[in-house]
Amino acid sequence: MEASNKSQVMLRAFSSRNFRLYYTGQAISLIGTSMTQVATSWLVYRLTDSAWLLGLVGFASQIPTLLLIPLGGIIADRWNRHQILLVAQILGMLQSLALTWLALSGTINIE
């Protein structure tokens, strides 16, 4: 198979408008999620200067995912996946905005 044919086959999914929207949205969401994780880790380390607390926060941030995965499967089977995705993205955005507001207002403090 020629290189041009190979790239056409690989990029064929992008001819679908829905796939392009989904791919772009997921790319933006992943960037936002990564920024939030880095900002949270950076904030914890700057406030505490403790590598142990940094590791604890990193570990604890994965616990909700571990516990909610079975429930998420049940919900995805019963409700509209598009609406679930929108709600999840909006909740993630609100969480990041709350963290930003708390950090910039000086409300977050480790004692």
PDB file of N, CA and C in Angstrom:
ATOM      1  N   MET A   1       0.836  -1.176   0.000  1.00  0.00           N
ATOM      2  CA  MET A   1       0.000   0.000   0.000  1.00  0.00           C
ATOM      3  C   MET A   1       0.886   1.246   0.000  1.00  0.00           C
ATOM      4  N   GLU A   2       0.568   2.202  -0.847  1.00  0.00           N
ATOM      5  CA  GLU A   2       1.347   3.429  -0.940  1.00  0.00           C
ATOM      6  C   GLU A   2       1.169   4.272   0.316  1.00  0.00           C
ATOM      7  N   ALA A   3       2.135   5.176   0.525  1.00  0.00           N
ATOM      8  CA  ALA A   3       2.084   6.039   1.710  1.00  0.00           C
ATOM      9  C   ALA A   3       0.874   6.963   1.673  1.00  0.00           C
ATOM     10  N   SER A   4       0.521   7.489   0.485  1.00  0.00           N
ATOM     11  CA  SER A   4      -0.627   8.402   0.396  1.00  0.00           C
ATOM     12  C   SER A   4      -1.935   7.658   0.650  1.00  0.00           C
ATOM     13  N   ASN A   5      -2.057   6.441   0.139  1.00  0.00           N
ATOM     14  CA  ASN A   5      -3.258   5.643   0.391  1.00  0.00           C
ATOM     15  C   ASN A   5      -3.367   5.269   1.870  1.00  0.00           C
ATOM     16  N   LYS A   6      -2.227   4.978   2.463  1.00  0.00           N
ATOM     17  CA  LYS A   6      -2.211   4.612   3.877  1.00  0.00           C
ATOM     18  C   LYS A   6      -2.690   5.780   4.736  1.00  0.00           C
ATOM     19  N   SER A   7      -2.216   6.984   4.437  1.00  0.00           N
ATOM     20  CA  SER A   7      -2.634   8.154   5.228  1.00  0.00           C
ATOM     21  C   SER A   7      -4.106   8.476   4.983  1.00  0.00           C
ATOM     22  N   GLN A   8      -4.610   8.248   3.760  1.00  0.00           N
ATOM     23  CA  GLN A   8      -6.028   8.472   3.487  1.00  0.00           C
ATOM     24  C   GLN A   8      -6.895   7.520   4.288  1.00  0.00           C
ATOM     25  N   VAL A   9      -6.469   6.277   4.396  1.00  0.00           N
ATOM     26  CA  VAL A   9      -7.223   5.285   5.170  1.00  0.00           C
ATOM     27  C   VAL A   9      -7.205   5.658   6.650  1.00  0.00           C
ATOM     28  N   MET A  10      -6.049   6.092   7.145  1.00  0.00           N
ATOM     29  CA  MET A  10      -5.929   6.440   8.562  1.00  0.00           C
ATOM     30  C   MET A  10      -6.762   7.665   8.915  1.00  0.00           C
ATOM     31  N   LEU A  11      -6.903   8.601   7.996  1.00  0.00           N
ATOM     32  CA  LEU A  11      -7.617   9.844   8.275  1.00  0.00           C
ATOM     33  C   LEU A  11      -9.072   9.820   7.809  1.00  0.00           C
ATOM     34  N   ARG A  12      -9.562   8.681   7.346  1.00  0.00           N
ATOM     35  CA  ARG A  12     -10.911   8.585   6.819  1.00  0.00           C
ATOM     36  C   ARG A  12     -11.971   8.955   7.860  1.00  0.00           C
ATOM     37  N   ALA A  13     -11.731   8.644   9.112  1.00  0.00           N
ATOM     38  CA  ALA A  13     -12.702   8.948  10.168  1.00  0.00           C
ATOM     39  C   ALA A  13     -12.945  10.445  10.279  1.00  0.00           C
ATOM     40  N   PHE A  14     -11.948  11.262   9.941  1.00  0.00           N
ATOM     41  CA  PHE A  14     -12.107  12.715  10.042  1.00  0.00           C
ATOM     42  C   PHE A  14     -13.040  13.284   8.989  1.00  0.00           C
ATOM     43  N   SER A  15     -13.494  12.483   8.049  1.00  0.00           N
ATOM     44  CA  SER A  15     -14.477  12.969   7.074  1.00  0.00           C
ATOM     45  C   SER A  15     -15.864  13.053   7.710  1.00  0.00           C
ATOM     46  N   SER A  16     -16.037  12.437   8.863  1.00  0.00           N
ATOM     47  CA  SER A  16     -17.305  12.505   9.591  1.00  0.00           C
ATOM     48  C   SER A  16     -17.297  13.719  10.520  1.00  0.00           C
ATOM     49  N   ARG A  17     -18.300  14.583  10.368  1.00  0.00           N
ATOM     50  CA  ARG A  17     -18.400  15.789  11.195  1.00  0.00           C
ATOM     51  C   ARG A  17     -18.491  15.429  12.674  1.00  0.00           C
ATOM     52  N   ASN A  18     -19.289  14.422  13.009  1.00  0.00           N
ATOM     53  CA  ASN A  18     -19.446  14.026  14.401  1.00  0.00           C
ATOM     54  C   ASN A  18     -18.133  13.558  15.015  1.00  0.00           C
ATOM     55  N   PHE A  19     -17.347  12.817  14.244  1.00  0.00           N
ATOM     56  CA  PHE A  19     -16.064  12.350  14.758  1.00  0.00           C
ATOM     57  C   PHE A  19     -15.117  13.523  14.975  1.00  0.00           C
ATOM     58  N   ARG A  20     -15.100  14.469  14.037  1.00  0.00           N
ATOM     59  CA  ARG A  20     -14.238  15.641  14.191  1.00  0.00           C
ATOM     60  C   ARG A  20     -14.613  16.420  15.441  1.00  0.00           C
ATOM     61  N   LEU A  21     -15.921  16.608  15.684  1.00  0.00           N
ATOM     62  CA  LEU A  21     -16.370  17.310  16.883  1.00  0.00           C
ATOM     63  C   LEU A  21     -15.963  16.553  18.147  1.00  0.00           C
ATOM     64  N   TYR A  22     -16.184  15.251  18.137  1.00  0.00           N
ATOM     65  CA  TYR A  22     -15.825  14.429  19.293  1.00  0.00           C
ATOM     66  C   TYR A  22     -14.319  14.473  19.543  1.00  0.00           C
ATOM     67  N   TYR A  23     -13.535  14.309  18.493  1.00  0.00           N
ATOM     68  CA  TYR A  23     -12.080  14.289  18.622  1.00  0.00           C
ATOM     69  C   TYR A  23     -11.569  15.628  19.148  1.00  0.00           C
ATOM     70  N   THR A  24     -12.057  16.718  18.609  1.00  0.00           N
ATOM     71  CA  THR A  24     -11.629  18.043  19.040  1.00  0.00           C
ATOM     72  C   THR A  24     -12.035  18.297  20.484  1.00  0.00           C
ATOM     73  N   GLY A  25     -13.265  17.940  20.820  1.00  0.00           N
ATOM     74  CA  GLY A  25     -13.737  18.125  22.190  1.00  0.00           C
ATOM     75  C   GLY A  25     -12.927  17.311  23.181  1.00  0.00           C
ATOM     76  N   GLN A  26     -12.627  16.077  22.837  1.00  0.00           N
ATOM     77  CA  GLN A  26     -11.840  15.227  23.726  1.00  0.00           C
ATOM     78  C   GLN A  26     -10.408  15.751  23.856  1.00  0.00           C
ATOM     79  N   ALA A  27      -9.854  16.279  22.766  1.00  0.00           N
ATOM     80  CA  ALA A  27      -8.503  16.841  22.832  1.00  0.00           C
ATOM     81  C   ALA A  27      -8.473  18.040  23.783  1.00  0.00           C
ATOM     82  N   ILE A  28      -9.459  18.926  23.669  1.00  0.00           N
ATOM     83  CA  ILE A  28      -9.535  20.089  24.555  1.00  0.00           C
ATOM     84  C   ILE A  28      -9.746  19.646  25.998  1.00  0.00           C
ATOM     85  N   SER A  29     -10.619  18.667  26.193  1.00  0.00           N
ATOM     86  CA  SER A  29     -10.890  18.157  27.533  1.00  0.00           C
ATOM     87  C   SER A  29      -9.637  17.537  28.154  1.00  0.00           C
ATOM     88  N   LEU A  30      -8.897  16.775  27.385  1.00  0.00           N
ATOM     89  CA  LEU A  30      -7.682  16.141  27.893  1.00  0.00           C
ATOM     90  C   LEU A  30      -6.642  17.186  28.281  1.00  0.00           C
ATOM     91  N   ILE A  31      -6.532  18.234  27.490  1.00  0.00           N
ATOM     92  CA  ILE A  31      -5.604  19.313  27.829  1.00  0.00           C
ATOM     93  C   ILE A  31      -6.029  19.973  29.142  1.00  0.00           C
ATOM     94  N   GLY A  32      -7.317  20.241  29.290  1.00  0.00           N
ATOM     95  CA  GLY A  32      -7.820  20.850  30.519  1.00  0.00           C
ATOM     96  C   GLY A  32      -7.619  19.961  31.734  1.00  0.00           C
ATOM     97  N   THR A  33      -7.879  18.670  31.568  1.00  0.00           N
ATOM     98  CA  THR A  33      -7.696  17.727  32.673  1.00  0.00           C
ATOM     99  C   THR A  33      -6.227  17.654  33.081  1.00  0.00           C
ATOM    100  N   SER A  34      -5.352  17.614  32.109  1.00  0.00           N
ATOM    101  CA  SER A  34      -3.914  17.573  32.403  1.00  0.00           C
ATOM    102  C   SER A  34      -3.463  18.841  33.110  1.00  0.00           C
ATOM    103  N   MET A  35      -3.966  19.983  32.662  1.00  0.00           N
ATOM    104  CA  MET A  35      -3.610  21.247  33.310  1.00  0.00           C
ATOM    105  C   MET A  35      -4.092  21.269  34.760  1.00  0.00           C
ATOM    106  N   THR A  36      -5.286  20.751  35.004  1.00  0.00           N
ATOM    107  CA  THR A  36      -5.812  20.713  36.363  1.00  0.00           C
ATOM    108  C   THR A  36      -4.971  19.800  37.246  1.00  0.00           C
ATOM    109  N   GLN A  37      -4.573  18.644  36.732  1.00  0.00           N
ATOM    110  CA  GLN A  37      -3.746  17.722  37.520  1.00  0.00           C
ATOM    111  C   GLN A  37      -2.394  18.336  37.858  1.00  0.00           C
ATOM    112  N   VAL A  38      -1.783  18.993  36.888  1.00  0.00           N
ATOM    113  CA  VAL A  38      -0.492  19.633  37.123  1.00  0.00           C
ATOM    114  C   VAL A  38      -0.647  20.784  38.110  1.00  0.00           C
ATOM    115  N   ALA A  39      -1.694  21.588  37.943  1.00  0.00           N
ATOM    116  CA  ALA A  39      -1.920  22.725  38.842  1.00  0.00           C
ATOM    117  C   ALA A  39      -2.183  22.255  40.266  1.00  0.00           C
ATOM    118  N   THR A  40      -2.947  21.184  40.424  1.00  0.00           N
ATOM    119  CA  THR A  40      -3.232  20.657  41.758  1.00  0.00           C
ATOM    120  C   THR A  40      -1.956  20.156  42.416  1.00  0.00           C
ATOM    121  N   SER A  41      -1.169  19.410  41.672  1.00  0.00           N
ATOM    122  CA  SER A  41       0.091  18.900  42.211  1.00  0.00           C
ATOM    123  C   SER A  41       1.032  20.050  42.574  1.00  0.00           C
ATOM    124  N   TRP A  42       1.115  21.018  41.702  1.00  0.00           N
ATOM    125  CA  TRP A  42       1.982  22.169  41.941  1.00  0.00           C
ATOM    126  C   TRP A  42       1.524  22.929  43.181  1.00  0.00           C
ATOM    127  N   LEU A  43       0.223  23.140  43.321  1.00  0.00           N
ATOM    128  CA  LEU A  43      -0.329  23.857  44.463  1.00  0.00           C
ATOM    129  C   LEU A  43      -0.037  23.113  45.764  1.00  0.00           C
ATOM    130  N   VAL A  44      -0.256  21.809  45.772  1.00  0.00           N
ATOM    131  CA  VAL A  44       0.000  21.019  46.987  1.00  0.00           C
ATOM    132  C   VAL A  44       1.473  21.109  47.368  1.00  0.00           C
ATOM    133  N   TYR A  45       2.347  20.989  46.405  1.00  0.00           N
ATOM    134  CA  TYR A  45       3.776  21.021  46.718  1.00  0.00           C
ATOM    135  C   TYR A  45       4.222  22.402  47.183  1.00  0.00           C
ATOM    136  N   ARG A  46       3.696  23.460  46.559  1.00  0.00           N
ATOM    137  CA  ARG A  46       4.080  24.822  46.969  1.00  0.00           C
ATOM    138  C   ARG A  46       3.559  25.156  48.357  1.00  0.00           C
ATOM    139  N   LEU A  47       2.374  24.652  48.701  1.00  0.00           N
ATOM    140  CA  LEU A  47       1.813  24.949  50.013  1.00  0.00           C
ATOM    141  C   LEU A  47       2.449  24.129  51.126  1.00  0.00           C
ATOM    142  N   THR A  48       2.902  22.921  50.809  1.00  0.00           N
ATOM    143  CA  THR A  48       3.372  22.017  51.862  1.00  0.00           C
ATOM    144  C   THR A  48       4.864  21.714  51.825  1.00  0.00           C
ATOM    145  N   ASP A  49       5.504  21.841  50.680  1.00  0.00           N
ATOM    146  CA  ASP A  49       6.899  21.411  50.488  1.00  0.00           C
ATOM    147  C   ASP A  49       7.096  19.959  50.915  1.00  0.00           C
ATOM    148  N   SER A  50       6.058  19.150  50.748  1.00  0.00           N
ATOM    149  CA  SER A  50       6.106  17.755  51.178  1.00  0.00           C
ATOM    150  C   SER A  50       5.881  16.832  49.984  1.00  0.00           C
ATOM    151  N   ALA A  51       6.895  16.038  49.676  1.00  0.00           N
ATOM    152  CA  ALA A  51       6.741  15.064  48.602  1.00  0.00           C
ATOM    153  C   ALA A  51       5.735  13.983  49.005  1.00  0.00           C
ATOM    154  N   TRP A  52       5.666  13.671  50.306  1.00  0.00           N
ATOM    155  CA  TRP A  52       4.736  12.658  50.785  1.00  0.00           C
ATOM    156  C   TRP A  52       3.296  13.113  50.557  1.00  0.00           C
ATOM    157  N   LEU A  53       2.964  14.354  50.903  1.00  0.00           N
ATOM    158  CA  LEU A  53       1.608  14.866  50.678  1.00  0.00           C
ATOM    159  C   LEU A  53       1.299  14.970  49.186  1.00  0.00           C
ATOM    160  N   LEU A  54       2.296  15.308  48.396  1.00  0.00           N
ATOM    161  CA  LEU A  54       2.108  15.347  46.949  1.00  0.00           C
ATOM    162  C   LEU A  54       1.728  13.965  46.431  1.00  0.00           C
ATOM    163  N   GLY A  55       2.429  12.941  46.878  1.00  0.00           N
ATOM    164  CA  GLY A  55       2.100  11.571  46.485  1.00  0.00           C
ATOM    165  C   GLY A  55       0.738  11.144  46.998  1.00  0.00           C
ATOM    166  N   LEU A  56       0.399  11.538  48.221  1.00  0.00           N
ATOM    167  CA  LEU A  56      -0.893  11.186  48.803  1.00  0.00           C
ATOM    168  C   LEU A  56      -2.036  11.808  48.011  1.00  0.00           C
ATOM    169  N   VAL A  57      -1.894  13.061  47.630  1.00  0.00           N
ATOM    170  CA  VAL A  57      -2.929  13.732  46.833  1.00  0.00           C
ATOM    171  C   VAL A  57      -3.045  13.074  45.465  1.00  0.00           C
ATOM    172  N   GLY A  58      -1.914  12.737  44.854  1.00  0.00           N
ATOM    173  CA  GLY A  58      -1.953  12.049  43.561  1.00  0.00           C
ATOM    174  C   GLY A  58      -2.653  10.706  43.656  1.00  0.00           C
ATOM    175  N   PHE A  59      -2.374   9.965  44.722  1.00  0.00           N
ATOM    176  CA  PHE A  59      -3.022   8.671  44.923  1.00  0.00           C
ATOM    177  C   PHE A  59      -4.509   8.851  45.206  1.00  0.00           C
ATOM    178  N   ALA A  60      -4.834   9.766  46.107  1.00  0.00           N
ATOM    179  CA  ALA A  60      -6.229   9.983  46.499  1.00  0.00           C
ATOM    180  C   ALA A  60      -7.080  10.485  45.338  1.00  0.00           C
ATOM    181  N   SER A  61      -6.487  11.164  44.398  1.00  0.00           N
ATOM    182  CA  SER A  61      -7.263  11.675  43.256  1.00  0.00           C
ATOM    183  C   SER A  61      -7.753  10.540  42.354  1.00  0.00           C
ATOM    184  N   GLN A  62      -7.148   9.366  42.470  1.00  0.00           N
ATOM    185  CA  GLN A  62      -7.565   8.228  41.654  1.00  0.00           C
ATOM    186  C   GLN A  62      -8.642   7.373  42.323  1.00  0.00           C
ATOM    187  N   ILE A  63      -8.851   7.550  43.616  1.00  0.00           N
ATOM    188  CA  ILE A  63      -9.820   6.734  44.352  1.00  0.00           C
ATOM    189  C   ILE A  63     -11.250   6.902  43.825  1.00  0.00           C
ATOM    190  N   PRO A  64     -11.729   8.135  43.567  1.00  0.00           N
ATOM    191  CA  PRO A  64     -13.092   8.245  43.036  1.00  0.00           C
ATOM    192  C   PRO A  64     -13.274   7.510  41.710  1.00  0.00           C
ATOM    193  N   THR A  65     -12.279   7.551  40.859  1.00  0.00           N
ATOM    194  CA  THR A  65     -12.366   6.833  39.594  1.00  0.00           C
ATOM    195  C   THR A  65     -12.503   5.340  39.841  1.00  0.00           C
ATOM    196  N   LEU A  66     -11.688   4.821  40.722  1.00  0.00           N
ATOM    197  CA  LEU A  66     -11.730   3.389  41.030  1.00  0.00           C
ATOM    198  C   LEU A  66     -13.099   2.980  41.580  1.00  0.00           C
ATOM    199  N   LEU A  67     -13.656   3.791  42.450  1.00  0.00           N
ATOM    200  CA  LEU A  67     -14.927   3.456  43.082  1.00  0.00           C
ATOM    201  C   LEU A  67     -16.132   3.674  42.169  1.00  0.00           C
ATOM    202  N   LEU A  68     -16.049   4.644  41.272  1.00  0.00           N
ATOM    203  CA  LEU A  68     -17.206   5.013  40.456  1.00  0.00           C
ATOM    204  C   LEU A  68     -17.275   4.311  39.102  1.00  0.00           C
ATOM    205  N   ILE A  69     -16.240   3.584  38.709  1.00  0.00           N
ATOM    206  CA  ILE A  69     -16.252   2.906  37.409  1.00  0.00           C
ATOM    207  C   ILE A  69     -17.431   1.941  37.268  1.00  0.00           C
ATOM    208  N   PRO A  70     -17.715   1.082  38.245  1.00  0.00           N
ATOM    209  CA  PRO A  70     -18.871   0.190  38.079  1.00  0.00           C
ATOM    210  C   PRO A  70     -20.197   0.953  37.955  1.00  0.00           C
ATOM    211  N   LEU A  71     -20.359   1.985  38.745  1.00  0.00           N
ATOM    212  CA  LEU A  71     -21.566   2.807  38.669  1.00  0.00           C
ATOM    213  C   LEU A  71     -21.660   3.512  37.314  1.00  0.00           C
ATOM    214  N   GLY A  72     -20.531   3.959  36.801  1.00  0.00           N
ATOM    215  CA  GLY A  72     -20.510   4.618  35.495  1.00  0.00           C
ATOM    216  C   GLY A  72     -20.960   3.700  34.374  1.00  0.00           C
ATOM    217  N   GLY A  73     -20.595   2.433  34.454  1.00  0.00           N
ATOM    218  CA  GLY A  73     -21.038   1.465  33.452  1.00  0.00           C
ATOM    219  C   GLY A  73     -22.540   1.277  33.474  1.00  0.00           C
ATOM    220  N   ILE A  74     -23.092   1.212  34.666  1.00  0.00           N
ATOM    221  CA  ILE A  74     -24.549   1.059  34.804  1.00  0.00           C
ATOM    222  C   ILE A  74     -25.267   2.287  34.245  1.00  0.00           C
ATOM    223  N   ILE A  75     -24.767   3.456  34.598  1.00  0.00           N
ATOM    224  CA  ILE A  75     -25.380   4.700  34.115  1.00  0.00           C
ATOM    225  C   ILE A  75     -25.286   4.795  32.598  1.00  0.00           C
ATOM    226  N   ALA A  76     -24.134   4.447  32.038  1.00  0.00           N
ATOM    227  CA  ALA A  76     -23.953   4.530  30.585  1.00  0.00           C
ATOM    228  C   ALA A  76     -24.881   3.582  29.837  1.00  0.00           C
ATOM    229  N   ASP A  77     -25.242   2.466  30.465  1.00  0.00           N
ATOM    230  CA  ASP A  77     -26.165   1.527  29.834  1.00  0.00           C
ATOM    231  C   ASP A  77     -27.610   2.018  29.870  1.00  0.00           C
ATOM    232  N   ARG A  78     -27.930   2.873  30.810  1.00  0.00           N
ATOM    233  CA  ARG A  78     -29.330   3.268  31.023  1.00  0.00           C
ATOM    234  C   ARG A  78     -29.685   4.648  30.499  1.00  0.00           C
ATOM    235  N   TRP A  79     -28.731   5.542  30.371  1.00  0.00           N
ATOM    236  CA  TRP A  79     -29.028   6.902  29.955  1.00  0.00           C
ATOM    237  C   TRP A  79     -28.307   7.268  28.661  1.00  0.00           C
ATOM    238  N   ASN A  80     -28.674   8.395  28.131  1.00  0.00           N
ATOM    239  CA  ASN A  80     -28.103   8.909  26.894  1.00  0.00           C
ATOM    240  C   ASN A  80     -26.624   9.243  27.110  1.00  0.00           C
ATOM    241  N   ARG A  81     -25.753   8.590  26.370  1.00  0.00           N
ATOM    242  CA  ARG A  81     -24.308   8.787  26.555  1.00  0.00           C
ATOM    243  C   ARG A  81     -23.859  10.198  26.211  1.00  0.00           C
ATOM    244  N   HIS A  82     -24.513  10.812  25.249  1.00  0.00           N
ATOM    245  CA  HIS A  82     -24.168  12.185  24.875  1.00  0.00           C
ATOM    246  C   HIS A  82     -24.415  13.123  26.053  1.00  0.00           C
ATOM    247  N   GLN A  83     -25.551  12.984  26.710  1.00  0.00           N
ATOM    248  CA  GLN A  83     -25.858  13.835  27.861  1.00  0.00           C
ATOM    249  C   GLN A  83     -24.930  13.533  29.035  1.00  0.00           C
ATOM    250  N   ILE A  84     -24.597  12.256  29.232  1.00  0.00           N
ATOM    251  CA  ILE A  84     -23.660  11.888  30.302  1.00  0.00           C
ATOM    252  C   ILE A  84     -22.313  12.560  30.062  1.00  0.00           C
ATOM    253  N   LEU A  85     -21.852  12.528  28.823  1.00  0.00           N
ATOM    254  CA  LEU A  85     -20.569  13.137  28.481  1.00  0.00           C
ATOM    255  C   LEU A  85     -20.595  14.638  28.719  1.00  0.00           C
ATOM    256  N   LEU A  86     -21.682  15.288  28.310  1.00  0.00           N
ATOM    257  CA  LEU A  86     -21.792  16.734  28.533  1.00  0.00           C
ATOM    258  C   LEU A  86     -21.797  17.070  30.017  1.00  0.00           C
ATOM    259  N   VAL A  87     -22.580  16.343  30.795  1.00  0.00           N
ATOM    260  CA  VAL A  87     -22.647  16.599  32.234  1.00  0.00           C
ATOM    261  C   VAL A  87     -21.276  16.370  32.883  1.00  0.00           C
ATOM    262  N   ALA A  88     -20.605  15.296  32.511  1.00  0.00           N
ATOM    263  CA  ALA A  88     -19.289  15.000  33.088  1.00  0.00           C
ATOM    264  C   ALA A  88     -18.281  16.091  32.744  1.00  0.00           C
ATOM    265  N   GLN A  89     -18.307  16.579  31.508  1.00  0.00           N
ATOM    266  CA  GLN A  89     -17.376  17.626  31.102  1.00  0.00           C
ATOM    267  C   GLN A  89     -17.675  18.942  31.829  1.00  0.00           C
ATOM    268  N   ILE A  90     -18.949  19.253  31.971  1.00  0.00           N
ATOM    269  CA  ILE A  90     -19.327  20.487  32.674  1.00  0.00           C
ATOM    270  C   ILE A  90     -18.928  20.402  34.143  1.00  0.00           C
ATOM    271  N   LEU A  91     -19.159  19.258  34.783  1.00  0.00           N
ATOM    272  CA  LEU A  91     -18.762  19.098  36.184  1.00  0.00           C
ATOM    273  C   LEU A  91     -17.243  19.203  36.350  1.00  0.00           C
ATOM    274  N   GLY A  92     -16.497  18.623  35.431  1.00  0.00           N
ATOM    275  CA  GLY A  92     -15.040  18.740  35.476  1.00  0.00           C
ATOM    276  C   GLY A  92     -14.579  20.180  35.320  1.00  0.00           C
ATOM    277  N   MET A  93     -15.243  20.909  34.426  1.00  0.00           N
ATOM    278  CA  MET A  93     -14.903  22.317  34.223  1.00  0.00           C
ATOM    279  C   MET A  93     -15.209  23.126  35.482  1.00  0.00           C
ATOM    280  N   LEU A  94     -16.361  22.867  36.108  1.00  0.00           N
ATOM    281  CA  LEU A  94     -16.724  23.580  37.335  1.00  0.00           C
ATOM    282  C   LEU A  94     -15.743  23.277  38.463  1.00  0.00           C
ATOM    283  N   GLN A  95     -15.283  22.041  38.540  1.00  0.00           N
ATOM    284  CA  GLN A  95     -14.295  21.674  39.550  1.00  0.00           C
ATOM    285  C   GLN A  95     -12.999  22.455  39.334  1.00  0.00           C
ATOM    286  N   SER A  96     -12.555  22.540  38.097  1.00  0.00           N
ATOM    287  CA  SER A  96     -11.329  23.274  37.793  1.00  0.00           C
ATOM    288  C   SER A  96     -11.493  24.762  38.075  1.00  0.00           C
ATOM    289  N   LEU A  97     -12.652  25.309  37.736  1.00  0.00           N
ATOM    290  CA  LEU A  97     -12.899  26.723  38.021  1.00  0.00           C
ATOM    291  C   LEU A  97     -12.936  26.989  39.527  1.00  0.00           C
ATOM    292  N   ALA A  98     -13.529  26.074  40.293  1.00  0.00           N
ATOM    293  CA  ALA A  98     -13.564  26.233  41.752  1.00  0.00           C
ATOM    294  C   ALA A  98     -12.153  26.199  42.328  1.00  0.00           C
ATOM    295  N   LEU A  99     -11.326  25.276  41.854  1.00  0.00           N
ATOM    296  CA  LEU A  99      -9.942  25.209  42.319  1.00  0.00           C
ATOM    297  C   LEU A  99      -9.192  26.492  41.975  1.00  0.00           C
ATOM    298  N   THR A 100      -9.405  26.992  40.773  1.00  0.00           N
ATOM    299  CA  THR A 100      -8.757  28.236  40.356  1.00  0.00           C
ATOM    300  C   THR A 100      -9.175  29.387  41.255  1.00  0.00           C
ATOM    301  N   TRP A 101     -10.473  29.521  41.486  1.00  0.00           N
ATOM    302  CA  TRP A 101     -10.979  30.613  42.322  1.00  0.00           C
ATOM    303  C   TRP A 101     -10.431  30.513  43.737  1.00  0.00           C
ATOM    304  N   LEU A 102     -10.443  29.308  44.312  1.00  0.00           N
ATOM    305  CA  LEU A 102      -9.946  29.128  45.679  1.00  0.00           C
ATOM    306  C   LEU A 102      -8.452  29.442  45.778  1.00  0.00           C
ATOM    307  N   ALA A 103      -7.687  29.038  44.773  1.00  0.00           N
ATOM    308  CA  ALA A 103      -6.246  29.292  44.798  1.00  0.00           C
ATOM    309  C   ALA A 103      -5.933  30.780  44.618  1.00  0.00           C
ATOM    310  N   LEU A 104      -6.615  31.426  43.682  1.00  0.00           N
ATOM    311  CA  LEU A 104      -6.329  32.834  43.416  1.00  0.00           C
ATOM    312  C   LEU A 104      -6.864  33.752  44.503  1.00  0.00           C
ATOM    313  N   SER A 105      -7.902  33.351  45.192  1.00  0.00           N
ATOM    314  CA  SER A 105      -8.448  34.183  46.267  1.00  0.00           C
ATOM    315  C   SER A 105      -7.707  33.993  47.585  1.00  0.00           C
ATOM    316  N   GLY A 106      -6.795  33.025  47.635  1.00  0.00           N
ATOM    317  CA  GLY A 106      -6.020  32.780  48.845  1.00  0.00           C
ATOM    318  C   GLY A 106      -6.796  31.977  49.888  1.00  0.00           C
ATOM    319  N   THR A 107      -7.905  31.397  49.496  1.00  0.00           N
ATOM    320  CA  THR A 107      -8.733  30.624  50.428  1.00  0.00           C
ATOM    321  C   THR A 107      -8.074  29.305  50.799  1.00  0.00           C
ATOM    322  N   ILE A 108      -7.387  28.691  49.853  1.00  0.00           N
ATOM    323  CA  ILE A 108      -6.725  27.404  50.119  1.00  0.00           C
ATOM    324  C   ILE A 108      -5.515  27.649  51.009  1.00  0.00           C
ATOM    325  N   ASN A 109      -5.493  26.927  52.122  1.00  0.00           N
ATOM    326  CA  ASN A 109      -4.407  27.083  53.060  1.00  0.00           C
ATOM    327  C   ASN A 109      -4.176  25.747  53.777  1.00  0.00           C
ATOM    328  N   ILE A 110      -2.943  25.374  53.930  1.00  0.00           N
ATOM    329  CA  ILE A 110      -2.589  24.151  54.647  1.00  0.00           C
ATOM    330  C   ILE A 110      -2.051  24.568  56.015  1.00  0.00           C
ATOM    331  N   GLU A 111      -2.654  24.053  57.074  1.00  0.00           N
ATOM    332  CA  GLU A 111      -2.190  24.410  58.418  1.00  0.00           C
ATOM    333  C   GLU A 111      -1.635  23.224  59.136  1.00  0.00           C
TER     334      GLU A 111
END
